[in-house]
PDB file of N, CA and C in Angstrom:
ATOM      1  N   MET A   1     108.498  82.067 131.607  1.00  0.00           N
ATOM      2  CA  MET A   1     108.254  80.996 131.583  1.00  0.00           C
ATOM      3  C   MET A   1     109.601  80.282 130.899  1.00  0.00           C
ATOM      4  N   PHE A   2     110.782  80.622 130.621  1.00  0.00           N
ATOM      5  CA  PHE A   2     112.157  79.945 130.543  1.00  0.00           C
ATOM      6  C   PHE A   2     113.374  80.209 131.322  1.00  0.00           C
ATOM      7  N   GLU A   3     112.742  81.135 132.684  1.00  0.00           N
ATOM      8  CA  GLU A   3     113.591  81.437 133.260  1.00  0.00           C
ATOM      9  C   GLU A   3     113.658  80.443 134.351  1.00  0.00           C
ATOM     10  N   ASP A   4     114.839  80.109 135.336  1.00  0.00           N
ATOM     11  CA  ASP A   4     115.080  79.025 136.441  1.00  0.00           C
ATOM     12  C   ASP A   4     113.417  78.582 136.728  1.00  0.00           C
ATOM     13  N   GLY A   5     112.957  77.576 137.145  1.00  0.00           N
ATOM     14  CA  GLY A   5     111.762  77.291 137.922  1.00  0.00           C
ATOM     15  C   GLY A   5     110.488  77.686 136.952  1.00  0.00           C
ATOM     16  N   GLY A   6     110.594  78.197 135.711  1.00  0.00           N
ATOM     17  CA  GLY A   6     109.693  78.660 135.048  1.00  0.00           C
ATOM     18  C   GLY A   6     108.748  77.172 134.507  1.00  0.00           C
ATOM     19  N   SER A   7     107.661  77.576 134.004  1.00  0.00           N
ATOM     20  CA  SER A   7     106.563  76.562 133.439  1.00  0.00           C
ATOM     21  C   SER A   7     107.299  75.681 132.345  1.00  0.00           C
ATOM     22  N   LEU A   8     107.934  76.028 131.751  1.00  0.00           N
ATOM     23  CA  LEU A   8     108.390  75.218 130.541  1.00  0.00           C
ATOM     24  C   LEU A   8     109.920  75.179 130.436  1.00  0.00           C
ATOM     25  N   THR A   9     110.603  75.069 131.693  1.00  0.00           N
ATOM     26  CA  THR A   9     112.079  75.123 131.995  1.00  0.00           C
ATOM     27  C   THR A   9     112.087  73.340 131.386  1.00  0.00           C
ATOM     28  N   SER A  10     111.334  72.460 132.303  1.00  0.00           N
ATOM     29  CA  SER A  10     111.780  70.922 132.317  1.00  0.00           C
ATOM     30  C   SER A  10     111.265  70.570 130.881  1.00  0.00           C
ATOM     31  N   THR A  11     110.488  70.792 130.070  1.00  0.00           N
ATOM     32  CA  THR A  11     109.852  70.281 128.675  1.00  0.00           C
ATOM     33  C   THR A  11     111.077  71.132 127.926  1.00  0.00           C
ATOM     34  N   VAL A  12     110.354  72.133 127.345  1.00  0.00           N
ATOM     35  CA  VAL A  12     110.889  73.086 126.385  1.00  0.00           C
ATOM     36  C   VAL A  12     112.055  73.535 126.516  1.00  0.00           C
ATOM     37  N   GLY A  13     112.355  74.005 127.754  1.00  0.00           N
ATOM     38  CA  GLY A  13     113.626  74.548 128.416  1.00  0.00           C
ATOM     39  C   GLY A  13     114.907  73.480 128.119  1.00  0.00           C
ATOM     40  N   ALA A  14     114.567  72.340 128.189  1.00  0.00           N
ATOM     41  CA  ALA A  14     115.342  71.114 128.090  1.00  0.00           C
ATOM     42  C   ALA A  14     116.277  71.156 126.463  1.00  0.00           C
ATOM     43  N   LEU A  15     115.248  71.491 125.657  1.00  0.00           N
ATOM     44  CA  LEU A  15     115.416  71.520 124.468  1.00  0.00           C
ATOM     45  C   LEU A  15     116.285  72.886 123.930  1.00  0.00           C
ATOM     46  N   ILE A  16     115.777  74.152 124.242  1.00  0.00           N
ATOM     47  CA  ILE A  16     116.225  75.352 123.514  1.00  0.00           C
ATOM     48  C   ILE A  16     117.127  75.866 124.949  1.00  0.00           C
ATOM     49  N   GLY A  17     117.231  75.562 125.986  1.00  0.00           N
ATOM     50  CA  GLY A  17     117.614  76.377 127.285  1.00  0.00           C
ATOM     51  C   GLY A  17     117.121  76.938 127.943  1.00  0.00           C
ATOM     52  N   THR A  18     117.504  77.524 129.128  1.00  0.00           N
ATOM     53  CA  THR A  18     116.964  78.589 129.735  1.00  0.00           C
ATOM     54  C   THR A  18     117.698  79.844 129.913  1.00  0.00           C
ATOM     55  N   GLY A  19     116.849  80.883 130.589  1.00  0.00           N
ATOM     56  CA  GLY A  19     117.497  82.364 130.270  1.00  0.00           C
ATOM     57  C   GLY A  19     116.690  83.199 129.521  1.00  0.00           C
ATOM     58  N   PRO A  20     117.327  84.487 129.746  1.00  0.00           N
ATOM     59  CA  PRO A  20     116.996  85.367 128.365  1.00  0.00           C
ATOM     60  C   PRO A  20     116.887  85.064 127.220  1.00  0.00           C
ATOM     61  N   GLY A  21     116.043  85.541 126.414  1.00  0.00           N
ATOM     62  CA  GLY A  21     116.021  85.397 124.845  1.00  0.00           C
ATOM     63  C   GLY A  21     115.342  84.143 124.241  1.00  0.00           C
ATOM     64  N   ARG A  22     115.119  83.155 125.474  1.00  0.00           N
ATOM     65  CA  ARG A  22     114.548  82.049 124.999  1.00  0.00           C
ATOM     66  C   ARG A  22     113.269  81.949 124.396  1.00  0.00           C
ATOM     67  N   GLY A  23     112.303  83.090 125.023  1.00  0.00           N
ATOM     68  CA  GLY A  23     111.037  83.072 124.297  1.00  0.00           C
ATOM     69  C   GLY A  23     111.003  83.345 122.885  1.00  0.00           C
ATOM     70  N   ILE A  24     112.104  84.010 122.449  1.00  0.00           N
ATOM     71  CA  ILE A  24     112.169  84.129 120.916  1.00  0.00           C
ATOM     72  C   ILE A  24     112.329  83.140 120.335  1.00  0.00           C
ATOM     73  N   GLY A  25     113.314  82.225 120.771  1.00  0.00           N
ATOM     74  CA  GLY A  25     113.894  80.747 120.091  1.00  0.00           C
ATOM     75  C   GLY A  25     112.579  80.143 120.656  1.00  0.00           C
ATOM     76  N   PHE A  26     111.942  79.929 121.408  1.00  0.00           N
ATOM     77  CA  PHE A  26     110.809  79.066 121.102  1.00  0.00           C
ATOM     78  C   PHE A  26     109.482  79.563 120.385  1.00  0.00           C
ATOM     79  N   MET A  27     109.567  81.144 119.823  1.00  0.00           N
ATOM     80  CA  MET A  27     108.386  81.587 118.760  1.00  0.00           C
ATOM     81  C   MET A  27     109.013  80.933 117.590  1.00  0.00           C
ATOM     82  N   TYR A  28     110.093  81.163 117.310  1.00  0.00           N
ATOM     83  CA  TYR A  28     110.995  80.435 116.133  1.00  0.00           C
ATOM     84  C   TYR A  28     110.598  79.112 115.865  1.00  0.00           C
ATOM     85  N   LEU A  29     110.659  78.342 117.064  1.00  0.00           N
ATOM     86  CA  LEU A  29     110.135  77.004 116.766  1.00  0.00           C
ATOM     87  C   LEU A  29     108.604  76.601 116.468  1.00  0.00           C
ATOM     88  N   LEU A  30     107.951  77.578 117.154  1.00  0.00           N
ATOM     89  CA  LEU A  30     106.478  77.349 116.895  1.00  0.00           C
ATOM     90  C   LEU A  30     106.350  77.750 115.551  1.00  0.00           C
ATOM     91  N   PHE A  31     106.635  78.923 114.951  1.00  0.00           N
ATOM     92  CA  PHE A  31     106.479  79.201 113.599  1.00  0.00           C
ATOM     93  C   PHE A  31     106.968  78.559 112.523  1.00  0.00           C
ATOM     94  N   GLY A  32     108.020  77.761 112.949  1.00  0.00           N
ATOM     95  CA  GLY A  32     108.529  76.892 112.187  1.00  0.00           C
ATOM     96  C   GLY A  32     107.792  75.463 111.970  1.00  0.00           C
ATOM     97  N   ALA A  33     107.408  75.224 112.841  1.00  0.00           N
ATOM     98  CA  ALA A  33     106.688  73.980 113.112  1.00  0.00           C
ATOM     99  C   ALA A  33     105.184  74.525 112.293  1.00  0.00           C
ATOM    100  N   ALA A  34     104.755  75.500 112.163  1.00  0.00           N
ATOM    101  CA  ALA A  34     103.478  75.713 111.803  1.00  0.00           C
ATOM    102  C   ALA A  34     103.617  75.824 110.332  1.00  0.00           C
ATOM    103  N   MET A  35     104.727  76.109 110.138  1.00  0.00           N
ATOM    104  CA  MET A  35     105.160  76.544 108.418  1.00  0.00           C
ATOM    105  C   MET A  35     105.256  75.096 107.757  1.00  0.00           C
ATOM    106  N   LEU A  36     105.798  74.410 108.836  1.00  0.00           N
ATOM    107  CA  LEU A  36     105.847  72.974 108.283  1.00  0.00           C
ATOM    108  C   LEU A  36     104.529  72.493 108.081  1.00  0.00           C
ATOM    109  N   GLY A  37     103.846  72.314 109.256  1.00  0.00           N
ATOM    110  CA  GLY A  37     102.234  71.955 109.059  1.00  0.00           C
ATOM    111  C   GLY A  37     101.649  72.447 107.645  1.00  0.00           C
ATOM    112  N   LEU A  38     102.084  73.978 107.482  1.00  0.00           N
ATOM    113  CA  LEU A  38     101.208  74.144 106.219  1.00  0.00           C
ATOM    114  C   LEU A  38     101.593  73.498 104.786  1.00  0.00           C
ATOM    115  N   VAL A  39     103.136  73.584 104.791  1.00  0.00           N
ATOM    116  CA  VAL A  39     103.458  72.673 103.587  1.00  0.00           C
ATOM    117  C   VAL A  39     102.954  71.474 103.412  1.00  0.00           C
ATOM    118  N   VAL A  40     102.870  70.594 104.302  1.00  0.00           N
ATOM    119  CA  VAL A  40     102.381  69.215 104.464  1.00  0.00           C
ATOM    120  C   VAL A  40     100.871  69.272 103.942  1.00  0.00           C
ATOM    121  N   VAL A  41     100.130  69.950 104.622  1.00  0.00           N
ATOM    122  CA  VAL A  41      98.591  70.022 103.983  1.00  0.00           C
ATOM    123  C   VAL A  41      98.591  70.824 102.589  1.00  0.00           C
ATOM    124  N   GLY A  42      99.393  71.875 102.142  1.00  0.00           N
ATOM    125  CA  GLY A  42      99.341  72.158 101.053  1.00  0.00           C
ATOM    126  C   GLY A  42      99.844  71.075 100.051  1.00  0.00           C
ATOM    127  N   LEU A  43     100.956  70.180 100.226  1.00  0.00           N
ATOM    128  CA  LEU A  43     101.299  69.273  99.257  1.00  0.00           C
ATOM    129  C   LEU A  43     100.284  67.971  99.237  1.00  0.00           C
ATOM    130  N   ARG A  44      99.513  67.929 100.090  1.00  0.00           N
ATOM    131  CA  ARG A  44      98.404  66.888 100.140  1.00  0.00           C
ATOM    132  C   ARG A  44      97.247  67.270  99.260  1.00  0.00           C
ATOM    133  N   LEU A  45      96.959  68.610  99.122  1.00  0.00           N
ATOM    134  CA  LEU A  45      95.875  69.152  98.103  1.00  0.00           C
ATOM    135  C   LEU A  45      96.602  69.162  96.784  1.00  0.00           C
ATOM    136  N   ARG A  46      95.779  68.396  95.986  1.00  0.00           N
ATOM    137  CA  ARG A  46      96.521  67.978  94.667  1.00  0.00           C
ATOM    138  C   ARG A  46      96.502  69.403  93.447  1.00  0.00           C
ATOM    139  N   VAL A  47      95.649  70.230  94.044  1.00  0.00           N
ATOM    140  CA  VAL A  47      95.778  71.555  93.100  1.00  0.00           C
ATOM    141  C   VAL A  47      96.957  72.367  93.562  1.00  0.00           C
ATOM    142  N   LEU A  48      97.327  72.249  94.712  1.00  0.00           N
ATOM    143  CA  LEU A  48      98.644  73.164  95.084  1.00  0.00           C
ATOM    144  C   LEU A  48      99.849  72.089  94.804  1.00  0.00           C
ATOM    145  N   ALA A  49      99.702  70.844  95.019  1.00  0.00           N
ATOM    146  CA  ALA A  49     100.812  69.924  94.685  1.00  0.00           C
ATOM    147  C   ALA A  49     101.278  69.722  93.136  1.00  0.00           C
ATOM    148  N   ARG A  50     100.383  70.159  92.331  1.00  0.00           N
ATOM    149  CA  ARG A  50     100.728  70.444  90.899  1.00  0.00           C
ATOM    150  C   ARG A  50     100.753  71.859  90.330  1.00  0.00           C
ATOM    151  N   PHE A  51     100.664  72.694  91.183  1.00  0.00           N
ATOM    152  CA  PHE A  51     100.640  74.098  90.668  1.00  0.00           C
ATOM    153  C   PHE A  51     101.606  74.387  90.033  1.00  0.00           C
ATOM    154  N   ASP A  52     103.089  74.281  89.971  1.00  0.00           N
ATOM    155  CA  ASP A  52     104.173  74.478  89.044  1.00  0.00           C
ATOM    156  C   ASP A  52     104.004  73.765  87.898  1.00  0.00           C
ATOM    157  N   LEU A  53     103.261  72.537  88.055  1.00  0.00           N
ATOM    158  CA  LEU A  53     103.294  71.857  86.610  1.00  0.00           C
ATOM    159  C   LEU A  53     102.031  71.890  85.759  1.00  0.00           C
ATOM    160  N   ASP A  54     101.235  72.694  86.046  1.00  0.00           N
ATOM    161  CA  ASP A  54     100.003  73.207  85.550  1.00  0.00           C
ATOM    162  C   ASP A  54     100.045  74.429  85.022  1.00  0.00           C
ATOM    163  N   VAL A  55     100.639  75.125  85.790  1.00  0.00           N
ATOM    164  CA  VAL A  55     100.540  76.827  85.239  1.00  0.00           C
ATOM    165  C   VAL A  55     101.941  76.940  84.333  1.00  0.00           C
ATOM    166  N   PRO A  56     101.590  77.405  83.403  1.00  0.00           N
ATOM    167  CA  PRO A  56     102.612  77.815  82.168  1.00  0.00           C
ATOM    168  C   PRO A  56     103.766  79.274  83.018  1.00  0.00           C
ATOM    169  N   ASP A  57     104.730  78.997  82.321  1.00  0.00           N
ATOM    170  CA  ASP A  57     105.809  80.327  83.041  1.00  0.00           C
ATOM    171  C   ASP A  57     105.264  81.420  82.368  1.00  0.00           C
ATOM    172  N   ALA A  58     105.529  82.371  82.987  1.00  0.00           N
ATOM    173  CA  ALA A  58     105.249  83.965  82.784  1.00  0.00           C
ATOM    174  C   ALA A  58     106.897  84.635  82.146  1.00  0.00           C
ATOM    175  N   LEU A  59     106.331  85.390  80.854  1.00  0.00           N
ATOM    176  CA  LEU A  59     107.541  86.045  80.139  1.00  0.00           C
ATOM    177  C   LEU A  59     107.966  86.862  81.437  1.00  0.00           C
ATOM    178  N   PRO A  60     109.455  86.574  81.743  1.00  0.00           N
ATOM    179  CA  PRO A  60     109.961  87.699  82.403  1.00  0.00           C
ATOM    180  C   PRO A  60     109.597  89.504  81.976  1.00  0.00           C
ATOM    181  N   ASP A  61     109.500  90.325  82.997  1.00  0.00           N
ATOM    182  CA  ASP A  61     108.913  91.640  82.761  1.00  0.00           C
ATOM    183  C   ASP A  61     109.938  92.400  82.037  1.00  0.00           C
ATOM    184  N   ASP A  62     111.036  92.286  81.827  1.00  0.00           N
ATOM    185  CA  ASP A  62     112.163  92.912  81.153  1.00  0.00           C
ATOM    186  C   ASP A  62     111.625  92.859  79.490  1.00  0.00           C
ATOM    187  N   LEU A  63     111.179  91.624  79.121  1.00  0.00           N
ATOM    188  CA  LEU A  63     111.243  91.100  78.058  1.00  0.00           C
ATOM    189  C   LEU A  63     109.938  91.486  77.304  1.00  0.00           C
ATOM    190  N   VAL A  64     108.761  91.805  78.208  1.00  0.00           N
ATOM    191  CA  VAL A  64     107.451  92.178  77.992  1.00  0.00           C
ATOM    192  C   VAL A  64     107.552  93.491  77.915  1.00  0.00           C
ATOM    193  N   GLY A  65     108.373  94.095  78.565  1.00  0.00           N
ATOM    194  CA  GLY A  65     108.991  95.879  78.249  1.00  0.00           C
ATOM    195  C   GLY A  65     109.286  96.012  77.188  1.00  0.00           C
ATOM    196  N   ILE A  66     110.175  95.143  76.725  1.00  0.00           N
ATOM    197  CA  ILE A  66     111.016  95.206  75.466  1.00  0.00           C
ATOM    198  C   ILE A  66     110.070  95.250  73.801  1.00  0.00           C
ATOM    199  N   GLN A  67     109.176  94.166  74.432  1.00  0.00           N
ATOM    200  CA  GLN A  67     107.958  94.043  73.505  1.00  0.00           C
ATOM    201  C   GLN A  67     107.085  95.040  73.011  1.00  0.00           C
ATOM    202  N   GLU A  68     106.928  95.463  74.148  1.00  0.00           N
ATOM    203  CA  GLU A  68     105.719  96.911  74.232  1.00  0.00           C
ATOM    204  C   GLU A  68     106.595  98.049  73.578  1.00  0.00           C
ATOM    205  N   ARG A  69     107.844  97.958  73.920  1.00  0.00           N
ATOM    206  CA  ARG A  69     108.704  99.410  73.766  1.00  0.00           C
ATOM    207  C   ARG A  69     108.705  99.135  71.766  1.00  0.00           C
ATOM    208  N   GLU A  70     109.013  98.140  71.425  1.00  0.00           N
ATOM    209  CA  GLU A  70     109.349  97.683  69.817  1.00  0.00           C
ATOM    210  C   GLU A  70     107.948  97.998  69.374  1.00  0.00           C
ATOM    211  N   ARG A  71     106.856  97.627  69.801  1.00  0.00           N
ATOM    212  CA  ARG A  71     105.605  97.977  69.238  1.00  0.00           C
ATOM    213  C   ARG A  71     105.316  99.372  69.445  1.00  0.00           C
ATOM    214  N   ARG A  72     105.665 100.054  70.108  1.00  0.00           N
ATOM    215  CA  ARG A  72     105.179 101.604  70.314  1.00  0.00           C
ATOM    216  C   ARG A  72     106.407 102.231  69.286  1.00  0.00           C
ATOM    217  N   VAL A  73     107.473 101.722  69.303  1.00  0.00           N
ATOM    218  CA  VAL A  73     108.569 102.390  67.981  1.00  0.00           C
ATOM    219  C   VAL A  73     107.890 102.338  66.924  1.00  0.00           C
ATOM    220  N   LYS A  74     107.518 100.854  66.644  1.00  0.00           N
ATOM    221  CA  LYS A  74     106.969 100.717  65.171  1.00  0.00           C
ATOM    222  C   LYS A  74     105.816 101.259  64.703  1.00  0.00           C
ATOM    223  N   ALA A  75     104.747 101.755  65.630  1.00  0.00           N
ATOM    224  CA  ALA A  75     103.687 102.656  65.762  1.00  0.00           C
ATOM    225  C   ALA A  75     103.914 104.150  65.323  1.00  0.00           C
ATOM    226  N   ALA A  76     104.878 104.581  66.209  1.00  0.00           N
ATOM    227  CA  ALA A  76     105.403 105.650  66.332  1.00  0.00           C
ATOM    228  C   ALA A  76     106.023 106.156  64.358  1.00  0.00           C
ATOM    229  N   ARG A  77     106.578 104.974  64.102  1.00  0.00           N
ATOM    230  CA  ARG A  77     107.543 105.106  62.711  1.00  0.00           C
ATOM    231  C   ARG A  77     106.373 104.865  61.511  1.00  0.00           C
ATOM    232  N   ALA A  78     105.361 104.320  61.890  1.00  0.00           N
ATOM    233  CA  ALA A  78     103.992 104.170  60.824  1.00  0.00           C
ATOM    234  C   ALA A  78     103.456 105.263  60.933  1.00  0.00           C
ATOM    235  N   LYS A  79     103.273 105.895  61.792  1.00  0.00           N
ATOM    236  CA  LYS A  79     102.273 107.337  62.156  1.00  0.00           C
ATOM    237  C   LYS A  79     103.136 108.366  61.282  1.00  0.00           C
ATOM    238  N   LYS A  80     104.745 108.337  61.704  1.00  0.00           N
ATOM    239  CA  LYS A  80     105.395 109.418  61.118  1.00  0.00           C
ATOM    240  C   LYS A  80     105.389 109.448  59.570  1.00  0.00           C
ATOM    241  N   ALA A  81     105.549 107.974  59.131  1.00  0.00           N
ATOM    242  CA  ALA A  81     105.553 107.894  57.535  1.00  0.00           C
ATOM    243  C   ALA A  81     103.997 107.830  57.033  1.00  0.00           C
ATOM    244  N   LYS A  82     103.207 108.104  57.845  1.00  0.00           N
ATOM    245  CA  LYS A  82     101.780 108.112  57.254  1.00  0.00           C
ATOM    246  C   LYS A  82     101.592 109.610  57.030  1.00  0.00           C
ATOM    247  N   ALA A  83     102.002 110.516  58.157  1.00  0.00           N
ATOM    248  CA  ALA A  83     102.024 111.899  58.045  1.00  0.00           C
ATOM    249  C   ALA A  83     103.257 112.466  56.910  1.00  0.00           C
ATOM    250  N   ALA A  84     104.018 112.066  56.791  1.00  0.00           N
ATOM    251  CA  ALA A  84     104.988 112.569  55.760  1.00  0.00           C
ATOM    252  C   ALA A  84     104.702 111.913  54.313  1.00  0.00           C
ATOM    253  N   ALA A  85     103.621 111.207  53.965  1.00  0.00           N
ATOM    254  CA  ALA A  85     103.280 110.682  52.600  1.00  0.00           C
ATOM    255  C   ALA A  85     102.340 111.679  52.088  1.00  0.00           C
ATOM    256  N   PRO A  86     102.549 111.894  50.529  1.00  0.00           N
ATOM    257  CA  PRO A  86     101.627 113.394  50.303  1.00  0.00           C
ATOM    258  C   PRO A  86      99.976 112.527  50.291  1.00  0.00           C
ATOM    259  N   VAL A  87      99.306 113.630  50.514  1.00  0.00           N
ATOM    260  CA  VAL A  87      97.859 113.672  50.550  1.00  0.00           C
ATOM    261  C   VAL A  87      97.296 113.856  48.833  1.00  0.00           C
ATOM    262  N   PRO A  88      96.435 112.772  48.835  1.00  0.00           N
ATOM    263  CA  PRO A  88      95.778 113.056  47.468  1.00  0.00           C
ATOM    264  C   PRO A  88      94.794 114.525  47.401  1.00  0.00           C
ATOM    265  N   ALA A  89      94.950 114.937  46.492  1.00  0.00           N
ATOM    266  CA  ALA A  89      93.896 116.337  46.205  1.00  0.00           C
ATOM    267  C   ALA A  89      92.547 115.607  46.366  1.00  0.00           C
ATOM    268  N   ALA A  90      91.896 116.165  46.552  1.00  0.00           N
ATOM    269  CA  ALA A  90      90.389 116.114  46.709  1.00  0.00           C
ATOM    270  C   ALA A  90      89.615 116.523  45.302  1.00  0.00           C
ATOM    271  N   PRO A  91      88.738 115.911  44.773  1.00  0.00           N
ATOM    272  CA  PRO A  91      88.106 116.036  43.431  1.00  0.00           C
ATOM    273  C   PRO A  91      87.256 117.386  43.496  1.00  0.00           C
ATOM    274  N   ALA A  92      87.348 118.271  42.485  1.00  0.00           N
ATOM    275  CA  ALA A  92      87.254 119.553  42.725  1.00  0.00           C
ATOM    276  C   ALA A  92      85.516 119.399  42.327  1.00  0.00           C
ATOM    277  N   THR A  93      84.996 118.420  41.758  1.00  0.00           N
ATOM    278  CA  THR A  93      83.598 118.373  41.702  1.00  0.00           C
ATOM    279  C   THR A  93      82.621 117.977  42.917  1.00  0.00           C
ATOM    280  N   ASP A  94      83.454 117.699  43.779  1.00  0.00           N
ATOM    281  CA  ASP A  94      82.346 117.429  45.051  1.00  0.00           C
ATOM    282  C   ASP A  94      82.666 118.563  46.164  1.00  0.00           C
ATOM    283  N   THR A  95      81.728 119.382  46.216  1.00  0.00           N
ATOM    284  CA  THR A  95      81.596 120.361  46.990  1.00  0.00           C
ATOM    285  C   THR A  95      80.501 120.349  48.297  1.00  0.00           C
ATOM    286  N   THR A  96      79.695 119.267  47.822  1.00  0.00           N
ATOM    287  CA  THR A  96      78.674 118.871  49.161  1.00  0.00           C
ATOM    288  C   THR A  96      79.483 118.687  50.248  1.00  0.00           C
ATOM    289  N   PRO A  97      79.263 119.330  51.450  1.00  0.00           N
ATOM    290  CA  PRO A  97      79.689 119.157  52.587  1.00  0.00           C
ATOM    291  C   PRO A  97      79.033 118.313  53.309  1.00  0.00           C
ATOM    292  N   THR A  98      79.996 117.378  54.087  1.00  0.00           N
ATOM    293  CA  THR A  98      79.244 116.158  54.913  1.00  0.00           C
ATOM    294  C   THR A  98      79.410 116.374  56.448  1.00  0.00           C
ATOM    295  N   HIS A  99      78.502 116.299  57.179  1.00  0.00           N
ATOM    296  CA  HIS A  99      78.626 116.120  58.599  1.00  0.00           C
ATOM    297  C   HIS A  99      78.588 115.084  59.626  1.00  0.00           C
ATOM    298  N   ASP A 100      78.734 113.456  58.383  1.00  0.00           N
ATOM    299  CA  ASP A 100      79.026 112.309  58.834  1.00  0.00           C
ATOM    300  C   ASP A 100      80.453 112.460  59.473  1.00  0.00           C
ATOM    301  N   HIS A 101      80.699 112.621  60.931  1.00  0.00           N
ATOM    302  CA  HIS A 101      81.808 112.034  61.310  1.00  0.00           C
ATOM    303  C   HIS A 101      81.978 110.688  62.093  1.00  0.00           C
ATOM    304  N   THR A 102      83.083 110.139  61.270  1.00  0.00           N
ATOM    305  CA  THR A 102      83.348 108.866  61.864  1.00  0.00           C
ATOM    306  C   THR A 102      84.828 108.568  62.559  1.00  0.00           C
ATOM    307  N   PRO A 103      84.870 108.238  63.841  1.00  0.00           N
ATOM    308  CA  PRO A 103      86.146 108.322  64.424  1.00  0.00           C
ATOM    309  C   PRO A 103      87.126 107.426  63.976  1.00  0.00           C
ATOM    310  N   THR A 104      88.232 107.852  64.239  1.00  0.00           N
ATOM    311  CA  THR A 104      89.099 107.424  63.476  1.00  0.00           C
ATOM    312  C   THR A 104      90.578 107.140  64.756  1.00  0.00           C
ATOM    313  N   ASP A 105      91.651 105.986  64.169  1.00  0.00           N
ATOM    314  CA  ASP A 105      92.406 106.012  65.138  1.00  0.00           C
ATOM    315  C   ASP A 105      93.360 107.363  65.551  1.00  0.00           C
ATOM    316  N   ASP A 106      93.320 108.403  64.576  1.00  0.00           N
ATOM    317  CA  ASP A 106      93.829 109.766  65.129  1.00  0.00           C
ATOM    318  C   ASP A 106      92.765 110.517  65.778  1.00  0.00           C
ATOM    319  N   ASP A 107      91.414 110.210  66.123  1.00  0.00           N
ATOM    320  CA  ASP A 107      90.586 110.712  66.891  1.00  0.00           C
ATOM    321  C   ASP A 107      90.710 110.686  68.374  1.00  0.00           C
ATOM    322  N   THR A 108      91.325 109.592  68.662  1.00  0.00           N
ATOM    323  CA  THR A 108      91.408 109.042  69.982  1.00  0.00           C
ATOM    324  C   THR A 108      92.271 109.838  71.049  1.00  0.00           C
ATOM    325  N   PRO A 109      92.386 109.888  71.892  1.00  0.00           N
ATOM    326  CA  PRO A 109      93.208 110.644  72.792  1.00  0.00           C
ATOM    327  C   PRO A 109      94.304 109.809  73.552  1.00  0.00           C
ATOM    328  N   THR A 110      95.252 110.025  73.729  1.00  0.00           N
ATOM    329  CA  THR A 110      96.453 108.848  74.085  1.00  0.00           C
ATOM    330  C   THR A 110      96.893 109.655  75.396  1.00  0.00           C
ATOM    331  N   HIS A 111      96.902 109.193  76.492  1.00  0.00           N
ATOM    332  CA  HIS A 111      97.465 109.855  77.703  1.00  0.00           C
ATOM    333  C   HIS A 111      99.280 109.467  77.618  1.00  0.00           C
ATOM    334  N   ASP A 112      99.558 108.504  77.209  1.00  0.00           N
ATOM    335  CA  ASP A 112     100.877 108.048  77.144  1.00  0.00           C
ATOM    336  C   ASP A 112     101.885 108.522  76.392  1.00  0.00           C
ATOM    337  N   HIS A 113     103.215 108.520  76.366  1.00  0.00           N
ATOM    338  CA  HIS A 113     104.062 108.875  75.252  1.00  0.00           C
ATOM    339  C   HIS A 113     104.325 107.997  74.695  1.00  0.00           C
ATOM    340  N   THR A 114     104.143 108.290  73.664  1.00  0.00           N
ATOM    341  CA  THR A 114     104.490 107.183  72.323  1.00  0.00           C
ATOM    342  C   THR A 114     106.291 107.782  71.978  1.00  0.00           C
ATOM    343  N   PRO A 115     106.885 106.957  72.192  1.00  0.00           N
ATOM    344  CA  PRO A 115     108.324 107.232  71.650  1.00  0.00           C
ATOM    345  C   PRO A 115     108.347 107.387  69.930  1.00  0.00           C
ATOM    346  N   THR A 116     109.226 108.266  69.724  1.00  0.00           N
ATOM    347  CA  THR A 116     109.655 108.776  68.541  1.00  0.00           C
ATOM    348  C   THR A 116     111.174 108.143  67.913  1.00  0.00           C
ATOM    349  N   ASP A 117     111.436 108.185  67.136  1.00  0.00           N
ATOM    350  CA  ASP A 117     112.948 107.958  66.790  1.00  0.00           C
ATOM    351  C   ASP A 117     113.883 109.104  67.566  1.00  0.00           C
ATOM    352  N   ASP A 118     113.306 110.213  67.562  1.00  0.00           N
ATOM    353  CA  ASP A 118     114.509 111.008  68.134  1.00  0.00           C
ATOM    354  C   ASP A 118     114.485 110.451  69.837  1.00  0.00           C
ATOM    355  N   ASP A 119     113.166 109.958  70.252  1.00  0.00           N
ATOM    356  CA  ASP A 119     113.564 109.624  71.608  1.00  0.00           C
ATOM    357  C   ASP A 119     114.302 108.357  72.023  1.00  0.00           C
ATOM    358  N   THR A 120     114.196 107.271  70.679  1.00  0.00           N
ATOM    359  CA  THR A 120     114.607 105.961  71.095  1.00  0.00           C
ATOM    360  C   THR A 120     115.232 105.801  69.796  1.00  0.00           C
ATOM    361  N   PRO A 121     116.847 105.947  69.775  1.00  0.00           N
ATOM    362  CA  PRO A 121     117.507 105.505  68.852  1.00  0.00           C
ATOM    363  C   PRO A 121     117.436 104.239  68.744  1.00  0.00           C
ATOM    364  N   ALA A 122     117.674 103.926  67.520  1.00  0.00           N
ATOM    365  CA  ALA A 122     117.295 102.108  67.023  1.00  0.00           C
ATOM    366  C   ALA A 122     118.234 101.146  67.847  1.00  0.00           C
ATOM    367  N   ARG A 123     119.453 102.013  68.063  1.00  0.00           N
ATOM    368  CA  ARG A 123     120.399 100.945  68.585  1.00  0.00           C
ATOM    369  C   ARG A 123     119.969 100.881  69.971  1.00  0.00           C
ATOM    370  N   THR A 124     119.294 101.612  70.580  1.00  0.00           N
ATOM    371  CA  THR A 124     118.636 101.327  72.074  1.00  0.00           C
ATOM    372  C   THR A 124     117.732 100.025  72.178  1.00  0.00           C
ATOM    373  N   VAL A 125     117.214  99.495  71.046  1.00  0.00           N
ATOM    374  CA  VAL A 125     116.184  98.749  70.997  1.00  0.00           C
ATOM    375  C   VAL A 125     117.070  97.610  70.504  1.00  0.00           C
ATOM    376  N   GLU A 126     117.702  97.515  69.696  1.00  0.00           N
ATOM    377  CA  GLU A 126     118.603  96.345  69.317  1.00  0.00           C
ATOM    378  C   GLU A 126     119.243  95.805  70.491  1.00  0.00           C
ATOM    379  N   ALA A 127     120.069  96.884  71.087  1.00  0.00           N
ATOM    380  CA  ALA A 127     120.736  96.188  72.394  1.00  0.00           C
ATOM    381  C   ALA A 127     119.980  95.986  73.465  1.00  0.00           C
ATOM    382  N   ALA A 128     119.013  95.943  73.531  1.00  0.00           N
ATOM    383  CA  ALA A 128     118.136  95.356  74.644  1.00  0.00           C
ATOM    384  C   ALA A 128     117.601  94.068  74.276  1.00  0.00           C
ATOM    385  N   ARG A 129     118.032  93.790  72.914  1.00  0.00           N
ATOM    386  CA  ARG A 129     117.450  92.127  72.839  1.00  0.00           C
ATOM    387  C   ARG A 129     118.424  90.944  72.893  1.00  0.00           C
TER     388      ARG A 129
END
């Protein structure tokens, strides 16, 4: 089509030239025009034209990760402190066995690793802020 005497030589060939590799150049022009058309249509739609103004910005992923890590470290420290606290002795007069088992936070299995003080030094969390 863009060789000497081709069908588009007299029209588009005058703009981009003729010879090998001109078909790819023509494709670039076509796709660029298509993208420009989509931008014009998108800007005419009010929802898309105001999208950046209407939708709030999200927190950066690294900040979200730091906040989640701090939450897990605090939970691990609280759990460790709870385990280290002395358990009050049960009264000796109550020997009636109870079969009512209500689930607690300790009964739910977790499949993710919760960092402890040994895994995450405080300076690592502080340095990430």
